[in-house]
Protein backbone atom coordinates (compact mmCIF):
# COMPACT_ATOMS: atom_id res chain seq x y z
CA MET A 1 -20.16 -13.88 36.30
CA THR A 2 -20.50 -17.65 35.83
CA THR A 3 -24.13 -17.29 34.76
CA ASP A 4 -23.27 -14.64 32.17
CA LEU A 5 -20.48 -16.79 30.72
CA TYR A 6 -22.76 -19.82 30.57
CA GLU A 7 -25.47 -17.81 28.83
CA SER A 8 -22.91 -16.36 26.42
CA GLU A 9 -21.76 -19.85 25.42
CA ALA A 10 -25.35 -21.02 24.98
CA LEU A 11 -26.13 -18.02 22.77
CA LEU A 12 -22.98 -18.63 20.72
CA ASP A 13 -23.99 -22.25 20.13
CA GLN A 14 -27.40 -21.08 18.90
CA ALA A 15 -25.74 -18.49 16.66
CA ILE A 16 -23.47 -21.11 15.10
CA LYS A 17 -26.50 -23.30 14.36
CA ALA A 18 -28.31 -20.33 12.81
CA GLU A 19 -25.28 -19.55 10.64
CA SER A 20 -25.16 -23.17 9.44
CA LYS A 21 -28.77 -22.76 8.28
CA ARG A 22 -27.91 -19.41 6.66
CA GLN A 23 -30.21 -17.63 9.10
CA PHE A 24 -27.80 -14.72 9.37
CA SER A 25 -30.17 -12.14 10.85
CA THR A 26 -30.98 -14.54 13.68
CA ALA A 27 -27.29 -15.30 14.12
CA ALA A 28 -26.44 -11.60 14.33
CA ASN A 29 -29.03 -11.02 17.05
CA LEU A 30 -27.78 -14.00 19.06
CA LEU A 31 -24.16 -12.92 18.73
CA ASP A 32 -25.02 -9.42 19.89
CA GLN A 33 -26.60 -10.87 23.02
CA ALA A 34 -23.64 -13.20 23.56
CA ILE A 35 -21.23 -10.26 23.35
CA LYS A 36 -23.14 -8.29 25.99
CA ARG A 37 -23.20 -11.25 28.39
CA ARG A 38 -19.51 -12.06 27.95
CA GLU A 39 -18.39 -8.44 28.14
CA LYS A 40 -20.39 -8.02 31.35
CA ALA A 41 -18.56 -11.00 32.82
CA LEU A 42 -15.04 -10.40 31.53
CA GLY A 43 -14.72 -6.81 30.37
CA ASP A 44 -12.07 -6.37 27.68
CA ASP A 45 -11.08 -9.91 26.73
CA VAL A 46 -9.86 -11.67 23.59
CA SER A 47 -12.90 -13.95 23.64
CA VAL A 48 -15.22 -10.92 23.63
CA ALA A 49 -13.25 -9.44 20.73
CA GLN A 50 -13.57 -12.71 18.82
CA LEU A 51 -17.35 -12.62 19.23
CA MET A 52 -17.38 -9.05 17.90
CA ASP A 53 -15.32 -10.24 14.95
CA ARG A 54 -17.74 -13.09 14.28
CA LEU A 55 -20.65 -10.65 14.41
CA GLY A 56 -18.84 -8.41 11.93
CA VAL A 57 -18.45 -11.29 9.49
CA VAL A 58 -22.15 -12.13 9.74
CA LEU A 59 -23.11 -8.48 9.21
CA THR A 60 -20.81 -8.36 6.18
CA THR A 61 -22.65 -11.37 4.77
CA LEU A 62 -25.92 -9.49 5.31
CA GLY A 63 -24.54 -6.48 3.45
CA LYS A 64 -24.80 -4.29 6.56
CA TYR A 65 -21.39 -2.83 5.93
CA GLY A 66 -21.57 0.11 8.33
CA ASP A 67 -22.58 -2.09 11.25
CA ALA A 68 -20.04 -4.69 10.19
CA GLU A 69 -17.21 -2.16 10.16
CA LYS A 70 -18.08 -1.00 13.68
CA ALA A 71 -18.17 -4.56 15.02
CA LEU A 72 -14.93 -5.53 13.29
CA THR A 73 -13.11 -2.32 14.25
CA ASP A 74 -14.24 -2.56 17.87
CA GLY A 75 -13.21 -6.20 17.95
CA LEU A 76 -9.75 -5.45 16.58
CA ALA A 77 -9.27 -2.57 19.03
CA MET A 78 -10.18 -4.78 21.98
CA ALA A 79 -7.95 -7.61 20.77
CA GLU A 80 -5.05 -5.19 20.37
CA LYS A 81 -5.49 -4.13 24.01
CA CYS A 82 -5.13 -7.74 25.11
CA LEU A 83 -2.38 -8.94 22.76
CA TYR A 84 1.00 -7.75 21.53
CA PRO A 85 1.01 -6.05 18.08
CA ALA A 86 2.24 -9.06 16.07
CA HIS A 87 0.20 -11.76 17.82
CA GLY A 88 -1.13 -14.43 15.48
CA LEU A 89 -4.65 -14.15 16.89
CA LEU A 90 -4.93 -10.69 15.33
CA VAL A 91 -4.76 -12.12 11.80
CA PRO A 92 -8.47 -13.07 11.46
CA PHE A 93 -9.55 -9.59 12.60
CA LEU A 94 -7.35 -8.01 9.92
CA GLN A 95 -8.47 -10.48 7.27
CA HIS A 96 -12.12 -9.77 7.94
CA LEU A 97 -11.65 -6.00 7.81
CA ALA A 98 -9.83 -6.41 4.50
CA GLU A 99 -12.66 -8.60 3.17
CA LEU A 100 -15.25 -6.05 4.30
CA HIS A 101 -13.60 -3.32 2.24
CA ILE A 102 -13.01 -5.66 -0.71
CA ALA A 103 -16.74 -6.48 -0.72
CA GLN A 104 -17.36 -2.76 -1.24
CA ASN A 105 -14.58 -2.39 -3.84
CA LYS A 106 -12.71 -0.15 -1.39
CA PHE A 107 -9.32 -1.55 -2.24
CA ALA A 108 -7.26 1.33 -0.86
CA GLU A 109 -8.94 0.86 2.53
CA ALA A 110 -8.44 -2.91 2.32
CA GLU A 111 -4.73 -2.76 1.55
CA PRO A 112 -3.30 -1.88 4.99
CA PHE A 113 -5.35 -4.60 6.68
CA ALA A 114 -4.38 -7.16 4.04
CA ALA A 115 -0.71 -6.17 4.30
CA ARG A 116 -0.64 -6.37 8.09
CA ALA A 117 -2.41 -9.74 8.07
CA LEU A 118 0.26 -11.08 5.73
CA GLU A 119 3.10 -9.55 7.74
CA ILE A 120 1.92 -11.21 10.94
CA SER A 121 1.16 -14.59 9.36
CA GLU A 122 4.59 -14.69 7.69
CA LYS A 123 6.22 -14.13 11.09
CA THR A 124 4.07 -16.57 13.06
CA LEU A 125 3.38 -19.32 10.50
CA SER A 126 5.23 -21.12 7.72
CA GLY A 127 5.22 -19.82 4.16
CA GLU A 128 3.17 -22.80 3.03
CA HIS A 129 0.52 -22.48 5.73
CA ARG A 130 -2.92 -21.97 4.20
CA THR A 131 -3.44 -18.74 6.17
CA THR A 132 -0.21 -17.27 4.81
CA LEU A 133 -1.16 -18.26 1.26
CA GLN A 134 -4.64 -16.78 1.71
CA ASN A 135 -3.08 -13.52 2.83
CA ILE A 136 -0.60 -13.46 -0.05
CA HIS A 137 -3.40 -14.02 -2.55
CA ARG A 138 -5.64 -11.37 -0.97
CA LEU A 139 -2.92 -8.71 -0.83
CA GLY A 140 -1.78 -9.48 -4.38
CA MET A 141 -5.34 -9.14 -5.67
CA VAL A 142 -5.81 -5.83 -3.83
CA GLN A 143 -2.53 -4.47 -5.19
CA ARG A 144 -3.55 -5.52 -8.72
CA LYS A 145 -6.88 -3.72 -8.33
CA LEU A 146 -4.98 -0.61 -7.23
CA ASP A 147 -2.71 -0.85 -10.31
CA LYS A 148 0.31 -1.43 -8.08
CA GLN A 149 1.55 -3.89 -10.64
CA ALA A 150 5.14 -4.32 -9.48
CA ASP A 151 4.02 -4.80 -5.88
CA ALA A 152 1.33 -7.28 -6.92
CA GLU A 153 3.75 -9.34 -9.00
CA LYS A 154 6.27 -9.44 -6.15
CA THR A 155 3.59 -10.45 -3.67
CA LEU A 156 2.05 -13.19 -5.81
CA THR A 157 5.23 -14.77 -7.16
CA LYS A 158 6.77 -15.31 -3.73
CA ALA A 159 3.98 -17.79 -3.00
CA LEU A 160 4.70 -20.00 -6.00
CA LYS A 161 7.58 -21.92 -4.41
CA HIS A 162 5.22 -23.06 -1.65
CA ILE A 163 2.36 -24.19 -3.86
CA ASP A 164 3.99 -25.62 -6.98
CA SER A 165 3.21 -29.04 -5.57
CA PRO A 166 0.20 -31.28 -4.84
CA LEU A 167 -0.55 -28.95 -1.93
CA GLY A 168 -2.15 -26.51 -4.40
CA PRO A 169 -3.94 -24.40 -5.38
CA LEU A 170 -1.43 -23.02 -7.87
CA GLU A 171 -4.14 -22.12 -10.37
CA GLU A 172 -5.54 -19.29 -8.23
CA PHE A 173 -2.18 -17.53 -8.22
CA LYS A 174 -1.67 -18.22 -11.92
CA TYR A 175 -5.07 -16.65 -12.66
CA GLU A 176 -4.18 -13.54 -10.65
CA LEU A 177 -0.81 -13.34 -12.41
CA ALA A 178 -2.46 -13.77 -15.82
CA MET A 179 -4.70 -10.75 -15.19
CA LEU A 180 -1.74 -8.82 -13.81
CA PHE A 181 0.47 -9.61 -16.83
CA GLN A 182 -2.41 -8.67 -19.13
CA ALA A 183 -2.65 -5.26 -17.45
CA GLN A 184 1.11 -4.87 -17.94
CA SER A 185 0.80 -5.80 -21.65
CA LYS A 186 3.03 -8.84 -21.05
CA THR A 187 1.14 -10.87 -23.62
CA ALA A 188 3.23 -14.04 -23.68
CA GLU A 189 3.43 -14.26 -19.90
CA ALA A 190 -0.31 -13.62 -19.57
CA GLU A 191 -1.25 -16.32 -22.06
CA LYS A 192 1.01 -18.88 -20.39
CA ALA A 193 -0.46 -18.08 -16.98
CA TYR A 194 -4.05 -18.26 -18.29
CA LYS A 195 -3.41 -21.70 -19.79
CA GLU A 196 -1.81 -22.98 -16.59
CA ALA A 197 -4.71 -21.63 -14.53
CA ILE A 198 -7.26 -23.29 -16.81
CA ASP A 199 -5.43 -26.62 -16.55
CA GLY A 200 -5.44 -26.31 -12.76
CA PHE A 201 -9.13 -25.50 -12.49
CA GLU A 202 -9.94 -28.44 -14.77
CA TYR A 203 -7.73 -30.77 -12.75
CA ARG A 204 -9.45 -29.83 -9.49
CA SER A 205 -12.90 -29.78 -11.14
CA ASN A 206 -13.54 -26.26 -9.90
CA LEU A 207 -16.17 -25.54 -12.53
CA PRO A 208 -17.25 -22.02 -11.44
CA ARG A 209 -13.65 -20.77 -11.46
CA LEU A 210 -12.93 -22.65 -14.69
CA ALA A 211 -15.82 -20.85 -16.38
CA GLU A 212 -14.56 -17.47 -15.12
CA CYS A 213 -11.00 -18.15 -16.22
CA LEU A 214 -12.00 -19.40 -19.68
CA THR A 215 -14.11 -16.27 -20.17
CA SER A 216 -11.25 -14.02 -19.06
CA TYR A 217 -8.86 -15.81 -21.40
CA ALA A 218 -11.31 -15.38 -24.28
CA GLU A 219 -11.56 -11.65 -23.54
CA PHE A 220 -7.76 -11.48 -23.45
CA LEU A 221 -7.53 -13.10 -26.89
CA LYS A 222 -10.20 -10.81 -28.28
CA ALA A 223 -8.28 -7.78 -27.01
CA ASN A 224 -5.23 -9.10 -28.85
CA ASN A 225 -7.02 -9.43 -32.21
CA ARG A 226 -7.48 -13.19 -31.89
CA ALA A 227 -11.27 -13.29 -31.70
CA GLY A 228 -11.34 -16.31 -34.00
CA GLU A 229 -9.88 -18.43 -31.20
CA THR A 230 -12.51 -17.55 -28.62
CA ASP A 231 -15.55 -19.56 -29.71
CA SER A 232 -14.33 -22.88 -28.33
CA LEU A 233 -13.25 -21.24 -25.06
CA LEU A 234 -16.63 -19.56 -24.56
CA ALA A 235 -18.38 -22.84 -25.37
CA ARG A 236 -16.28 -24.62 -22.73
CA ALA A 237 -17.07 -21.83 -20.26
CA LYS A 238 -20.78 -22.23 -20.93
CA VAL A 239 -20.62 -25.98 -20.36
CA ALA A 240 -18.70 -25.51 -17.11
CA ARG A 241 -21.10 -22.82 -15.92
CA GLU A 242 -24.17 -24.93 -16.68
CA ALA A 243 -22.64 -28.01 -15.03
CA SER A 244 -21.87 -26.05 -11.87
CA LYS A 245 -25.45 -24.89 -11.25
CA ASP A 246 -26.51 -28.05 -9.42
CA TRP A 247 -23.06 -28.88 -8.15
CA HIS A 248 -21.53 -27.69 -4.92
CA HIS A 249 -17.92 -26.61 -4.64
CA SER A 250 -16.42 -24.97 -1.58
CA PRO A 251 -15.97 -21.22 -2.10
CA ASP A 252 -12.72 -21.54 -0.15
CA ILE A 253 -9.95 -21.44 -2.76
CA PHE A 254 -7.53 -22.79 -0.17
CA PRO A 255 -9.25 -25.98 1.05
CA SER A 256 -7.52 -27.49 4.07
CA THR A 257 -7.49 -30.89 2.37
CA LEU A 258 -4.98 -29.51 -0.12
CA LEU A 259 -2.86 -27.41 2.20
CA ARG A 260 -0.90 -27.82 5.37
CA ALA A 261 -2.82 -26.01 8.07
């Protein structure tokens, strides 16, 4: 038992190093071996489930969605055997299953996982915790994609009181709301939200997201017979996009330096 646990830890360390070098196929193989060693030693255990979850995330990154779903689903099932239904440790499993389905544009399948992740994090963490805000944003986006506009607006707006501060990132929610209001033909509200999102992305120097938001705003104006106002926006988007090519910005829209973790 001790030998298997030791080997499992050693394999996990190697997998983490492989992930850091973006050697995801190697990482997946190492994680698979680590799972077998740990499961042999412990049977059904939360730590085994967490390794399965980690493997699922790596397989998602590799685009091996079928294998990823099996690893993530098996991991969640094992974790649920070991924990009570609303335990905070279940949140990452649910988040990763939601992200797996989002990556495949399967928003209906993603919704229950996103909703449950939010429900648990709201009960176990504060409303301003970065995990809670991540889950609010994810569920709101999924609901918007499913044209559940009233639900999406309710989900997204309840986060604003927690992030309308230096904690940030308010702009991500404003961008989601802008697209939501646009879909609802709430022109004035959409334009206001787009402008606020653009200001936020500029303030935080998030050039990739700034370029996306400027382009979306230009498309919004064009759809509202204001094409003459789009040239400067598209030019700004091009500059931001070009400037971001050799510049690294964390893909995490909820950086821990800006939020209370």
